[in-house]
Amino acid sequence: MADNVVRVCAQADIAPDTVKAFEVGDLRLAVFNIGGKFYVTDDECTHASASLADGMLEGDVIECSLHFGAFHVPTGEVKAPPCSLALRTYKVVLQGGDIFADLDRNAAGELA
């Protein structure tokens, strides 16, 4: 594995169609299970310091519980104001029942 790929949690820790936050080093990451596919993003809303894991997941969109801004989980794209900055996504690597995040690449696998 690449140098900056870190274990976040076990796949079994994330029930289908839910999100949960994890501390990984100095980062707080949100792990989503959307229809059996896993996604990892920063947990903090880009508009205000609120945990996205405390928000409402509807399909592949997470709505922040603080001001109701929303993001498209697979891409990090802003879906509703007051958010204006995209959400940071991470490439997910599944191995041995665990979820790893490549901290150097976005969900599309491109260098971040």
PDB file of N, CA and C in Angstrom:
ATOM      1  N   MET A   1       0.836  -1.189   0.000  1.00  0.00           N
ATOM      2  CA  MET A   1       0.000   0.000   0.000  1.00  0.00           C
ATOM      3  C   MET A   1       0.877   1.246   0.000  1.00  0.00           C
ATOM      4  N   ALA A   2       0.324   2.340  -0.495  1.00  0.00           N
ATOM      5  CA  ALA A   2       1.050   3.610  -0.541  1.00  0.00           C
ATOM      6  C   ALA A   2       1.334   4.107   0.876  1.00  0.00           C
ATOM      7  N   ASP A   3       2.288   5.006   0.979  1.00  0.00           N
ATOM      8  CA  ASP A   3       2.712   5.521   2.288  1.00  0.00           C
ATOM      9  C   ASP A   3       1.611   6.233   3.047  1.00  0.00           C
ATOM     10  N   ASN A   4       0.727   6.917   2.348  1.00  0.00           N
ATOM     11  CA  ASN A   4      -0.265   7.732   3.023  1.00  0.00           C
ATOM     12  C   ASN A   4      -1.663   7.112   3.003  1.00  0.00           C
ATOM     13  N   VAL A   5      -1.719   5.776   2.978  1.00  0.00           N
ATOM     14  CA  VAL A   5      -2.982   5.054   3.076  1.00  0.00           C
ATOM     15  C   VAL A   5      -3.128   4.595   4.521  1.00  0.00           C
ATOM     16  N   VAL A   6      -4.233   4.989   5.150  1.00  0.00           N
ATOM     17  CA  VAL A   6      -4.431   4.713   6.577  1.00  0.00           C
ATOM     18  C   VAL A   6      -5.725   3.932   6.794  1.00  0.00           C
ATOM     19  N   ARG A   7      -5.704   3.056   7.792  1.00  0.00           N
ATOM     20  CA  ARG A   7      -6.910   2.318   8.158  1.00  0.00           C
ATOM     21  C   ARG A   7      -7.846   3.261   8.903  1.00  0.00           C
ATOM     22  N   VAL A   8      -9.124   3.234   8.502  1.00  0.00           N
ATOM     23  CA  VAL A   8     -10.112   4.081   9.159  1.00  0.00           C
ATOM     24  C   VAL A   8     -10.987   3.253  10.101  1.00  0.00           C
ATOM     25  N   CYS A   9     -11.507   2.111   9.604  1.00  0.00           N
ATOM     26  CA  CYS A   9     -12.401   1.290  10.418  1.00  0.00           C
ATOM     27  C   CYS A   9     -12.649  -0.027   9.702  1.00  0.00           C
ATOM     28  N   ALA A  10     -13.428  -0.886  10.338  1.00  0.00           N
ATOM     29  CA  ALA A  10     -13.880  -2.129   9.702  1.00  0.00           C
ATOM     30  C   ALA A  10     -15.127  -1.830   8.889  1.00  0.00           C
ATOM     31  N   GLN A  11     -15.303  -2.549   7.787  1.00  0.00           N
ATOM     32  CA  GLN A  11     -16.510  -2.377   6.977  1.00  0.00           C
ATOM     33  C   GLN A  11     -17.762  -2.651   7.809  1.00  0.00           C
ATOM     34  N   ALA A  12     -17.674  -3.600   8.727  1.00  0.00           N
ATOM     35  CA  ALA A  12     -18.813  -3.967   9.564  1.00  0.00           C
ATOM     36  C   ALA A  12     -19.223  -2.848  10.526  1.00  0.00           C
ATOM     37  N   ASP A  13     -18.344  -1.841  10.725  1.00  0.00           N
ATOM     38  CA  ASP A  13     -18.664  -0.719  11.618  1.00  0.00           C
ATOM     39  C   ASP A  13     -19.695   0.237  11.026  1.00  0.00           C
ATOM     40  N   ILE A  14     -19.908   0.157   9.705  1.00  0.00           N
ATOM     41  CA  ILE A  14     -20.793   1.112   9.026  1.00  0.00           C
ATOM     42  C   ILE A  14     -21.986   0.368   8.438  1.00  0.00           C
ATOM     43  N   ALA A  15     -23.121   0.508   9.087  1.00  0.00           N
ATOM     44  CA  ALA A  15     -24.349  -0.139   8.609  1.00  0.00           C
ATOM     45  C   ALA A  15     -24.749   0.459   7.257  1.00  0.00           C
ATOM     46  N   PRO A  16     -25.480  -0.287   6.452  1.00  0.00           N
ATOM     47  CA  PRO A  16     -25.928   0.237   5.156  1.00  0.00           C
ATOM     48  C   PRO A  16     -26.699   1.550   5.305  1.00  0.00           C
ATOM     49  N   ASP A  17     -26.405   2.474   4.402  1.00  0.00           N
ATOM     50  CA  ASP A  17     -27.078   3.767   4.326  1.00  0.00           C
ATOM     51  C   ASP A  17     -26.944   4.596   5.601  1.00  0.00           C
ATOM     52  N   THR A  18     -25.734   4.547   6.179  1.00  0.00           N
ATOM     53  CA  THR A  18     -25.422   5.355   7.354  1.00  0.00           C
ATOM     54  C   THR A  18     -24.059   6.015   7.177  1.00  0.00           C
ATOM     55  N   VAL A  19     -23.734   6.890   8.114  1.00  0.00           N
ATOM     56  CA  VAL A  19     -22.436   7.571   8.159  1.00  0.00           C
ATOM     57  C   VAL A  19     -21.957   7.584   9.606  1.00  0.00           C
ATOM     58  N   LYS A  20     -20.646   7.483   9.768  1.00  0.00           N
ATOM     59  CA  LYS A  20     -20.058   7.481  11.106  1.00  0.00           C
ATOM     60  C   LYS A  20     -18.699   8.181  11.032  1.00  0.00           C
ATOM     61  N   ALA A  21     -18.341   8.918  12.076  1.00  0.00           N
ATOM     62  CA  ALA A  21     -17.070   9.650  12.106  1.00  0.00           C
ATOM     63  C   ALA A  21     -16.020   8.877  12.887  1.00  0.00           C
ATOM     64  N   PHE A  22     -14.760   9.023  12.446  1.00  0.00           N
ATOM     65  CA  PHE A  22     -13.627   8.364  13.081  1.00  0.00           C
ATOM     66  C   PHE A  22     -12.449   9.326  13.159  1.00  0.00           C
ATOM     67  N   GLU A  23     -11.709   9.257  14.264  1.00  0.00           N
ATOM     68  CA  GLU A  23     -10.456  10.000  14.404  1.00  0.00           C
ATOM     69  C   GLU A  23      -9.355   9.157  13.787  1.00  0.00           C
ATOM     70  N   VAL A  24      -8.605   9.745  12.858  1.00  0.00           N
ATOM     71  CA  VAL A  24      -7.485   9.064  12.207  1.00  0.00           C
ATOM     72  C   VAL A  24      -6.309  10.023  12.255  1.00  0.00           C
ATOM     73  N   GLY A  25      -5.394   9.781  13.201  1.00  0.00           N
ATOM     74  CA  GLY A  25      -4.300  10.736  13.399  1.00  0.00           C
ATOM     75  C   GLY A  25      -4.888  12.069  13.813  1.00  0.00           C
ATOM     76  N   ASP A  26      -4.522  13.138  13.099  1.00  0.00           N
ATOM     77  CA  ASP A  26      -5.062  14.459  13.435  1.00  0.00           C
ATOM     78  C   ASP A  26      -6.282  14.817  12.585  1.00  0.00           C
ATOM     79  N   LEU A  27      -6.797  13.855  11.840  1.00  0.00           N
ATOM     80  CA  LEU A  27      -7.985  14.070  11.002  1.00  0.00           C
ATOM     81  C   LEU A  27      -9.227  13.454  11.633  1.00  0.00           C
ATOM     82  N   ARG A  28     -10.362  14.040  11.336  1.00  0.00           N
ATOM     83  CA  ARG A  28     -11.653  13.440  11.688  1.00  0.00           C
ATOM     84  C   ARG A  28     -12.349  13.178  10.356  1.00  0.00           C
ATOM     85  N   LEU A  29     -12.546  11.897  10.058  1.00  0.00           N
ATOM     86  CA  LEU A  29     -13.098  11.481   8.774  1.00  0.00           C
ATOM     87  C   LEU A  29     -14.496  10.909   8.936  1.00  0.00           C
ATOM     88  N   ALA A  30     -15.328  11.135   7.938  1.00  0.00           N
ATOM     89  CA  ALA A  30     -16.667  10.549   7.894  1.00  0.00           C
ATOM     90  C   ALA A  30     -16.629   9.392   6.905  1.00  0.00           C
ATOM     91  N   VAL A  31     -17.162   8.252   7.322  1.00  0.00           N
ATOM     92  CA  VAL A  31     -17.236   7.078   6.456  1.00  0.00           C
ATOM     93  C   VAL A  31     -18.712   6.801   6.182  1.00  0.00           C
ATOM     94  N   PHE A  32     -19.038   6.698   4.898  1.00  0.00           N
ATOM     95  CA  PHE A  32     -20.407   6.488   4.444  1.00  0.00           C
ATOM     96  C   PHE A  32     -20.535   5.105   3.823  1.00  0.00           C
ATOM     97  N   ASN A  33     -21.655   4.445   4.080  1.00  0.00           N
ATOM     98  CA  ASN A  33     -22.017   3.208   3.387  1.00  0.00           C
ATOM     99  C   ASN A  33     -23.310   3.515   2.653  1.00  0.00           C
ATOM    100  N   ILE A  34     -23.184   3.720   1.339  1.00  0.00           N
ATOM    101  CA  ILE A  34     -24.346   4.072   0.527  1.00  0.00           C
ATOM    102  C   ILE A  34     -24.597   2.921  -0.439  1.00  0.00           C
ATOM    103  N   GLY A  35     -25.620   2.155  -0.147  1.00  0.00           N
ATOM    104  CA  GLY A  35     -25.960   1.025  -0.997  1.00  0.00           C
ATOM    105  C   GLY A  35     -24.853  -0.003  -1.107  1.00  0.00           C
ATOM    106  N   GLY A  36     -24.074  -0.176  -0.028  1.00  0.00           N
ATOM    107  CA  GLY A  36     -22.993  -1.149  -0.023  1.00  0.00           C
ATOM    108  C   GLY A  36     -21.675  -0.631  -0.572  1.00  0.00           C
ATOM    109  N   LYS A  37     -21.641   0.621  -1.021  1.00  0.00           N
ATOM    110  CA  LYS A  37     -20.395   1.240  -1.493  1.00  0.00           C
ATOM    111  C   LYS A  37     -19.929   2.229  -0.431  1.00  0.00           C
ATOM    112  N   PHE A  38     -18.633   2.188  -0.142  1.00  0.00           N
ATOM    113  CA  PHE A  38     -18.084   3.020   0.925  1.00  0.00           C
ATOM    114  C   PHE A  38     -17.420   4.268   0.367  1.00  0.00           C
ATOM    115  N   TYR A  39     -17.584   5.374   1.102  1.00  0.00           N
ATOM    116  CA  TYR A  39     -16.982   6.662   0.765  1.00  0.00           C
ATOM    117  C   TYR A  39     -16.372   7.246   2.030  1.00  0.00           C
ATOM    118  N   VAL A  40     -15.270   7.985   1.853  1.00  0.00           N
ATOM    119  CA  VAL A  40     -14.637   8.669   2.982  1.00  0.00           C
ATOM    120  C   VAL A  40     -14.467  10.133   2.611  1.00  0.00           C
ATOM    121  N   THR A  41     -14.885  11.026   3.527  1.00  0.00           N
ATOM    122  CA  THR A  41     -14.727  12.467   3.350  1.00  0.00           C
ATOM    123  C   THR A  41     -14.232  13.062   4.666  1.00  0.00           C
ATOM    124  N   ASP A  42     -13.865  14.340   4.622  1.00  0.00           N
ATOM    125  CA  ASP A  42     -13.666  15.050   5.885  1.00  0.00           C
ATOM    126  C   ASP A  42     -15.008  15.046   6.604  1.00  0.00           C
ATOM    127  N   ASP A  43     -14.971  15.021   7.937  1.00  0.00           N
ATOM    128  CA  ASP A  43     -16.222  15.012   8.693  1.00  0.00           C
ATOM    129  C   ASP A  43     -16.764  16.416   8.920  1.00  0.00           C
ATOM    130  N   GLU A  44     -15.913  17.418   8.834  1.00  0.00           N
ATOM    131  CA  GLU A  44     -16.334  18.777   9.154  1.00  0.00           C
ATOM    132  C   GLU A  44     -16.934  19.478   7.941  1.00  0.00           C
ATOM    133  N   CYS A  45     -18.096  20.059   8.131  1.00  0.00           N
ATOM    134  CA  CYS A  45     -18.745  20.852   7.098  1.00  0.00           C
ATOM    135  C   CYS A  45     -17.824  22.004   6.701  1.00  0.00           C
ATOM    136  N   THR A  46     -17.781  22.337   5.422  1.00  0.00           N
ATOM    137  CA  THR A  46     -16.900  23.425   4.964  1.00  0.00           C
ATOM    138  C   THR A  46     -17.474  24.801   5.272  1.00  0.00           C
ATOM    139  N   HIS A  47     -18.718  24.874   5.697  1.00  0.00           N
ATOM    140  CA  HIS A  47     -19.347  26.157   6.015  1.00  0.00           C
ATOM    141  C   HIS A  47     -19.143  26.537   7.480  1.00  0.00           C
ATOM    142  N   ALA A  48     -19.284  25.586   8.375  1.00  0.00           N
ATOM    143  CA  ALA A  48     -19.155  25.844   9.809  1.00  0.00           C
ATOM    144  C   ALA A  48     -18.645  24.577  10.474  1.00  0.00           C
ATOM    145  N   SER A  49     -18.135  24.711  11.663  1.00  0.00           N
ATOM    146  CA  SER A  49     -17.548  23.566  12.371  1.00  0.00           C
ATOM    147  C   SER A  49     -18.639  22.649  12.913  1.00  0.00           C
ATOM    148  N   ALA A  50     -19.172  21.822  12.040  1.00  0.00           N
ATOM    149  CA  ALA A  50     -20.196  20.864  12.436  1.00  0.00           C
ATOM    150  C   ALA A  50     -19.828  19.505  11.856  1.00  0.00           C
ATOM    151  N   SER A  51     -20.119  18.454  12.604  1.00  0.00           N
ATOM    152  CA  SER A  51     -19.843  17.094  12.154  1.00  0.00           C
ATOM    153  C   SER A  51     -20.897  16.665  11.136  1.00  0.00           C
ATOM    154  N   LEU A  52     -20.428  16.259   9.960  1.00  0.00           N
ATOM    155  CA  LEU A  52     -21.368  15.767   8.954  1.00  0.00           C
ATOM    156  C   LEU A  52     -21.963  14.422   9.363  1.00  0.00           C
ATOM    157  N   ALA A  53     -21.257  13.665  10.189  1.00  0.00           N
ATOM    158  CA  ALA A  53     -21.785  12.383  10.659  1.00  0.00           C
ATOM    159  C   ALA A  53     -23.039  12.588  11.521  1.00  0.00           C
ATOM    160  N   ASP A  54     -23.232  13.806  12.026  1.00  0.00           N
ATOM    161  CA  ASP A  54     -24.437  14.136  12.788  1.00  0.00           C
ATOM    162  C   ASP A  54     -25.573  14.611  11.879  1.00  0.00           C
ATOM    163  N   GLY A  55     -25.292  14.713  10.583  1.00  0.00           N
ATOM    164  CA  GLY A  55     -26.280  15.212   9.638  1.00  0.00           C
ATOM    165  C   GLY A  55     -27.225  14.128   9.157  1.00  0.00           C
ATOM    166  N   MET A  56     -28.007  14.479   8.133  1.00  0.00           N
ATOM    167  CA  MET A  56     -28.987  13.552   7.583  1.00  0.00           C
ATOM    168  C   MET A  56     -28.520  13.079   6.206  1.00  0.00           C
ATOM    169  N   LEU A  57     -28.385  11.764   6.067  1.00  0.00           N
ATOM    170  CA  LEU A  57     -27.983  11.164   4.806  1.00  0.00           C
ATOM    171  C   LEU A  57     -29.237  10.767   4.034  1.00  0.00           C
ATOM    172  N   GLU A  58     -29.397  11.362   2.849  1.00  0.00           N
ATOM    173  CA  GLU A  58     -30.530  11.036   1.978  1.00  0.00           C
ATOM    174  C   GLU A  58     -29.967  10.620   0.634  1.00  0.00           C
ATOM    175  N   GLY A  59     -30.006   9.322   0.357  1.00  0.00           N
ATOM    176  CA  GLY A  59     -29.394   8.808  -0.865  1.00  0.00           C
ATOM    177  C   GLY A  59     -27.898   9.032  -0.802  1.00  0.00           C
ATOM    178  N   ASP A  60     -27.350   9.772  -1.774  1.00  0.00           N
ATOM    179  CA  ASP A  60     -25.912  10.039  -1.757  1.00  0.00           C
ATOM    180  C   ASP A  60     -25.602  11.497  -1.422  1.00  0.00           C
ATOM    181  N   VAL A  61     -26.526  12.151  -0.708  1.00  0.00           N
ATOM    182  CA  VAL A  61     -26.341  13.536  -0.275  1.00  0.00           C
ATOM    183  C   VAL A  61     -26.385  13.591   1.249  1.00  0.00           C
ATOM    184  N   ILE A  62     -25.389  14.289   1.840  1.00  0.00           N
ATOM    185  CA  ILE A  62     -25.363  14.492   3.288  1.00  0.00           C
ATOM    186  C   ILE A  62     -25.723  15.949   3.564  1.00  0.00           C
ATOM    187  N   GLU A  63     -26.697  16.129   4.460  1.00  0.00           N
ATOM    188  CA  GLU A  63     -27.125  17.466   4.854  1.00  0.00           C
ATOM    189  C   GLU A  63     -26.575  17.766   6.238  1.00  0.00           C
ATOM    190  N   CYS A  64     -25.890  18.888   6.367  1.00  0.00           N
ATOM    191  CA  CYS A  64     -25.320  19.304   7.651  1.00  0.00           C
ATOM    192  C   CYS A  64     -26.445  19.647   8.623  1.00  0.00           C
ATOM    193  N   SER A  65     -26.290  19.225   9.865  1.00  0.00           N
ATOM    194  CA  SER A  65     -27.326  19.463  10.872  1.00  0.00           C
ATOM    195  C   SER A  65     -27.333  20.894  11.394  1.00  0.00           C
ATOM    196  N   LEU A  66     -26.273  21.667  11.134  1.00  0.00           N
ATOM    197  CA  LEU A  66     -26.183  23.016  11.705  1.00  0.00           C
ATOM    198  C   LEU A  66     -26.959  24.047  10.885  1.00  0.00           C
ATOM    199  N   HIS A  67     -26.630  24.176   9.608  1.00  0.00           N
ATOM    200  CA  HIS A  67     -27.287  25.180   8.763  1.00  0.00           C
ATOM    201  C   HIS A  67     -27.939  24.573   7.523  1.00  0.00           C
ATOM    202  N   PHE A  68     -27.965  23.251   7.442  1.00  0.00           N
ATOM    203  CA  PHE A  68     -28.665  22.509   6.387  1.00  0.00           C
ATOM    204  C   PHE A  68     -28.050  22.637   4.994  1.00  0.00           C
ATOM    205  N   GLY A  69     -26.786  23.023   4.932  1.00  0.00           N
ATOM    206  CA  GLY A  69     -26.061  22.933   3.666  1.00  0.00           C
ATOM    207  C   GLY A  69     -25.891  21.463   3.336  1.00  0.00           C
ATOM    208  N   ALA A  70     -25.616  21.151   2.072  1.00  0.00           N
ATOM    209  CA  ALA A  70     -25.542  19.741   1.688  1.00  0.00           C
ATOM    210  C   ALA A  70     -24.442  19.502   0.663  1.00  0.00           C
ATOM    211  N   PHE A  71     -23.949  18.248   0.658  1.00  0.00           N
ATOM    212  CA  PHE A  71     -22.875  17.829  -0.244  1.00  0.00           C
ATOM    213  C   PHE A  71     -23.227  16.498  -0.900  1.00  0.00           C
ATOM    214  N   HIS A  72     -22.787  16.329  -2.141  1.00  0.00           N
ATOM    215  CA  HIS A  72     -22.863  15.048  -2.836  1.00  0.00           C
ATOM    216  C   HIS A  72     -21.699  14.217  -2.321  1.00  0.00           C
ATOM    217  N   VAL A  73     -21.966  13.137  -1.630  1.00  0.00           N
ATOM    218  CA  VAL A  73     -20.921  12.351  -0.961  1.00  0.00           C
ATOM    219  C   VAL A  73     -19.874  11.812  -1.941  1.00  0.00           C
ATOM    220  N   PRO A  74     -20.237  11.188  -3.062  1.00  0.00           N
ATOM    221  CA  PRO A  74     -19.204  10.618  -3.940  1.00  0.00           C
ATOM    222  C   PRO A  74     -18.210  11.629  -4.507  1.00  0.00           C
ATOM    223  N   THR A  75     -18.647  12.882  -4.704  1.00  0.00           N
ATOM    224  CA  THR A  75     -17.762  13.874  -5.331  1.00  0.00           C
ATOM    225  C   THR A  75     -17.363  15.019  -4.415  1.00  0.00           C
ATOM    226  N   GLY A  76     -18.099  15.228  -3.332  1.00  0.00           N
ATOM    227  CA  GLY A  76     -17.852  16.368  -2.454  1.00  0.00           C
ATOM    228  C   GLY A  76     -18.484  17.658  -2.945  1.00  0.00           C
ATOM    229  N   GLU A  77     -19.168  17.600  -4.083  1.00  0.00           N
ATOM    230  CA  GLU A  77     -19.784  18.792  -4.683  1.00  0.00           C
ATOM    231  C   GLU A  77     -20.849  19.378  -3.760  1.00  0.00           C
ATOM    232  N   VAL A  78     -20.875  20.708  -3.665  1.00  0.00           N
ATOM    233  CA  VAL A  78     -21.892  21.399  -2.885  1.00  0.00           C
ATOM    234  C   VAL A  78     -23.245  21.224  -3.563  1.00  0.00           C
ATOM    235  N   LYS A  79     -24.252  20.847  -2.771  1.00  0.00           N
ATOM    236  CA  LYS A  79     -25.603  20.655  -3.293  1.00  0.00           C
ATOM    237  C   LYS A  79     -26.599  21.682  -2.752  1.00  0.00           C
ATOM    238  N   ALA A  80     -26.257  22.350  -1.624  1.00  0.00           N
ATOM    239  CA  ALA A  80     -27.185  23.338  -1.069  1.00  0.00           C
ATOM    240  C   ALA A  80     -26.415  24.364  -0.233  1.00  0.00           C
ATOM    241  N   PRO A  81     -26.818  25.647  -0.347  1.00  0.00           N
ATOM    242  CA  PRO A  81     -26.210  26.677   0.478  1.00  0.00           C
ATOM    243  C   PRO A  81     -26.649  26.501   1.929  1.00  0.00           C
ATOM    244  N   PRO A  82     -25.948  27.060   2.871  1.00  0.00           N
ATOM    245  CA  PRO A  82     -24.947  28.104   2.721  1.00  0.00           C
ATOM    246  C   PRO A  82     -23.541  27.590   2.371  1.00  0.00           C
ATOM    247  N   CYS A  83     -23.377  26.305   2.167  1.00  0.00           N
ATOM    248  CA  CYS A  83     -22.061  25.785   1.805  1.00  0.00           C
ATOM    249  C   CYS A  83     -21.672  26.318   0.429  1.00  0.00           C
ATOM    250  N   SER A  84     -20.379  26.647   0.277  1.00  0.00           N
ATOM    251  CA  SER A  84     -19.906  27.112  -1.022  1.00  0.00           C
ATOM    252  C   SER A  84     -18.600  26.432  -1.419  1.00  0.00           C
ATOM    253  N   LEU A  85     -17.893  25.859  -0.447  1.00  0.00           N
ATOM    254  CA  LEU A  85     -16.653  25.137  -0.719  1.00  0.00           C
ATOM    255  C   LEU A  85     -16.921  23.642  -0.748  1.00  0.00           C
ATOM    256  N   ALA A  86     -16.384  22.956  -1.750  1.00  0.00           N
ATOM    257  CA  ALA A  86     -16.571  21.510  -1.871  1.00  0.00           C
ATOM    258  C   ALA A  86     -15.997  20.776  -0.662  1.00  0.00           C
ATOM    259  N   LEU A  87     -16.542  19.634  -0.392  1.00  0.00           N
ATOM    260  CA  LEU A  87     -16.101  18.764   0.694  1.00  0.00           C
ATOM    261  C   LEU A  87     -14.934  17.909   0.207  1.00  0.00           C
ATOM    262  N   ARG A  88     -13.907  17.769   1.021  1.00  0.00           N
ATOM    263  CA  ARG A  88     -12.733  16.958   0.670  1.00  0.00           C
ATOM    264  C   ARG A  88     -13.107  15.482   0.715  1.00  0.00           C
ATOM    265  N   THR A  89     -12.847  14.767  -0.368  1.00  0.00           N
ATOM    266  CA  THR A  89     -13.089  13.328  -0.444  1.00  0.00           C
ATOM    267  C   THR A  89     -11.762  12.591  -0.487  1.00  0.00           C
ATOM    268  N   TYR A  90     -11.790  11.307  -0.187  1.00  0.00           N
ATOM    269  CA  TYR A  90     -10.591  10.471  -0.184  1.00  0.00           C
ATOM    270  C   TYR A  90     -10.859   9.183  -0.961  1.00  0.00           C
ATOM    271  N   LYS A  91      -9.830   8.704  -1.626  1.00  0.00           N
ATOM    272  CA  LYS A  91      -9.929   7.413  -2.310  1.00  0.00           C
ATOM    273  C   LYS A  91     -10.058   6.321  -1.254  1.00  0.00           C
ATOM    274  N   VAL A  92     -11.017   5.434  -1.446  1.00  0.00           N
ATOM    275  CA  VAL A  92     -11.260   4.325  -0.520  1.00  0.00           C
ATOM    276  C   VAL A  92     -10.561   3.078  -1.043  1.00  0.00           C
ATOM    277  N   VAL A  93      -9.876   2.383  -0.130  1.00  0.00           N
ATOM    278  CA  VAL A  93      -9.245   1.099  -0.434  1.00  0.00           C
ATOM    279  C   VAL A  93      -9.833   0.087   0.541  1.00  0.00           C
ATOM    280  N   LEU A  94     -10.451  -0.968   0.001  1.00  0.00           N
ATOM    281  CA  LEU A  94     -11.018  -2.026   0.842  1.00  0.00           C
ATOM    282  C   LEU A  94     -10.037  -3.186   0.866  1.00  0.00           C
ATOM    283  N   GLN A  95      -9.726  -3.654   2.074  1.00  0.00           N
ATOM    284  CA  GLN A  95      -8.780  -4.763   2.190  1.00  0.00           C
ATOM    285  C   GLN A  95      -9.060  -5.545   3.465  1.00  0.00           C
ATOM    286  N   GLY A  96      -9.261  -6.847   3.320  1.00  0.00           N
ATOM    287  CA  GLY A  96      -9.438  -7.719   4.479  1.00  0.00           C
ATOM    288  C   GLY A  96     -10.560  -7.318   5.411  1.00  0.00           C
ATOM    289  N   GLY A  97     -11.653  -6.811   4.878  1.00  0.00           N
ATOM    290  CA  GLY A  97     -12.779  -6.411   5.723  1.00  0.00           C
ATOM    291  C   GLY A  97     -12.632  -5.037   6.343  1.00  0.00           C
ATOM    292  N   ASP A  98     -11.551  -4.328   6.024  1.00  0.00           N
ATOM    293  CA  ASP A  98     -11.315  -2.994   6.574  1.00  0.00           C
ATOM    294  C   ASP A  98     -11.449  -1.929   5.497  1.00  0.00           C
ATOM    295  N   ILE A  99     -11.673  -0.694   5.952  1.00  0.00           N
ATOM    296  CA  ILE A  99     -11.742   0.465   5.068  1.00  0.00           C
ATOM    297  C   ILE A  99     -10.501   1.310   5.320  1.00  0.00           C
ATOM    298  N   PHE A 100      -9.765   1.571   4.244  1.00  0.00           N
ATOM    299  CA  PHE A 100      -8.592   2.430   4.284  1.00  0.00           C
ATOM    300  C   PHE A 100      -8.877   3.662   3.433  1.00  0.00           C
ATOM    301  N   ALA A 101      -8.226   4.777   3.762  1.00  0.00           N
ATOM    302  CA  ALA A 101      -8.337   5.998   2.970  1.00  0.00           C
ATOM    303  C   ALA A 101      -6.950   6.395   2.492  1.00  0.00           C
ATOM    304  N   ASP A 102      -6.857   6.711   1.209  1.00  0.00           N
ATOM    305  CA  ASP A 102      -5.618   7.245   0.638  1.00  0.00           C
ATOM    306  C   ASP A 102      -5.679   8.756   0.819  1.00  0.00           C
ATOM    307  N   LEU A 103      -4.900   9.266   1.754  1.00  0.00           N
ATOM    308  CA  LEU A 103      -4.962  10.680   2.106  1.00  0.00           C
ATOM    309  C   LEU A 103      -4.382  11.585   1.029  1.00  0.00           C
ATOM    310  N   ASP A 104      -3.706  11.011   0.032  1.00  0.00           N
ATOM    311  CA  ASP A 104      -3.117  11.801  -1.050  1.00  0.00           C
ATOM    312  C   ASP A 104      -4.009  11.889  -2.282  1.00  0.00           C
ATOM    313  N   ARG A 105      -5.101  11.119  -2.304  1.00  0.00           N
ATOM    314  CA  ARG A 105      -5.945  11.078  -3.515  1.00  0.00           C
ATOM    315  C   ARG A 105      -7.403  11.320  -3.156  1.00  0.00           C
ATOM    316  N   ASN A 106      -8.123  11.942  -4.092  1.00  0.00           N
ATOM    317  CA  ASN A 106      -9.548  12.166  -3.877  1.00  0.00           C
ATOM    318  C   ASN A 106     -10.339  10.928  -4.255  1.00  0.00           C
ATOM    319  N   ALA A 107     -11.639  10.969  -4.116  1.00  0.00           N
ATOM    320  CA  ALA A 107     -12.467   9.787  -4.378  1.00  0.00           C
ATOM    321  C   ALA A 107     -12.336   9.292  -5.809  1.00  0.00           C
ATOM    322  N   ALA A 108     -12.010  10.170  -6.744  1.00  0.00           N
ATOM    323  CA  ALA A 108     -11.838   9.786  -8.139  1.00  0.00           C
ATOM    324  C   ALA A 108     -10.461   9.178  -8.401  1.00  0.00           C
ATOM    325  N   GLY A 109      -9.588   9.158  -7.363  1.00  0.00           N
ATOM    326  CA  GLY A 109      -8.258   8.587  -7.508  1.00  0.00           C
ATOM    327  C   GLY A 109      -7.215   9.579  -7.981  1.00  0.00           C
ATOM    328  N   GLU A 110      -7.603  10.846  -8.132  1.00  0.00           N
ATOM    329  CA  GLU A 110      -6.683  11.891  -8.576  1.00  0.00           C
ATOM    330  C   GLU A 110      -5.903  12.450  -7.398  1.00  0.00           C
ATOM    331  N   LEU A 111      -4.654  12.886  -7.642  1.00  0.00           N
ATOM    332  CA  LEU A 111      -3.870  13.509  -6.585  1.00  0.00           C
ATOM    333  C   LEU A 111      -4.604  14.716  -6.052  1.00  0.00           C
ATOM    334  N   ALA A 112      -4.673  14.812  -4.757  1.00  0.00           N
ATOM    335  CA  ALA A 112      -5.418  15.918  -4.126  1.00  0.00           C
ATOM    336  C   ALA A 112      -4.517  17.124  -3.900  1.00  0.00           C
TER     337      ALA A 112
END
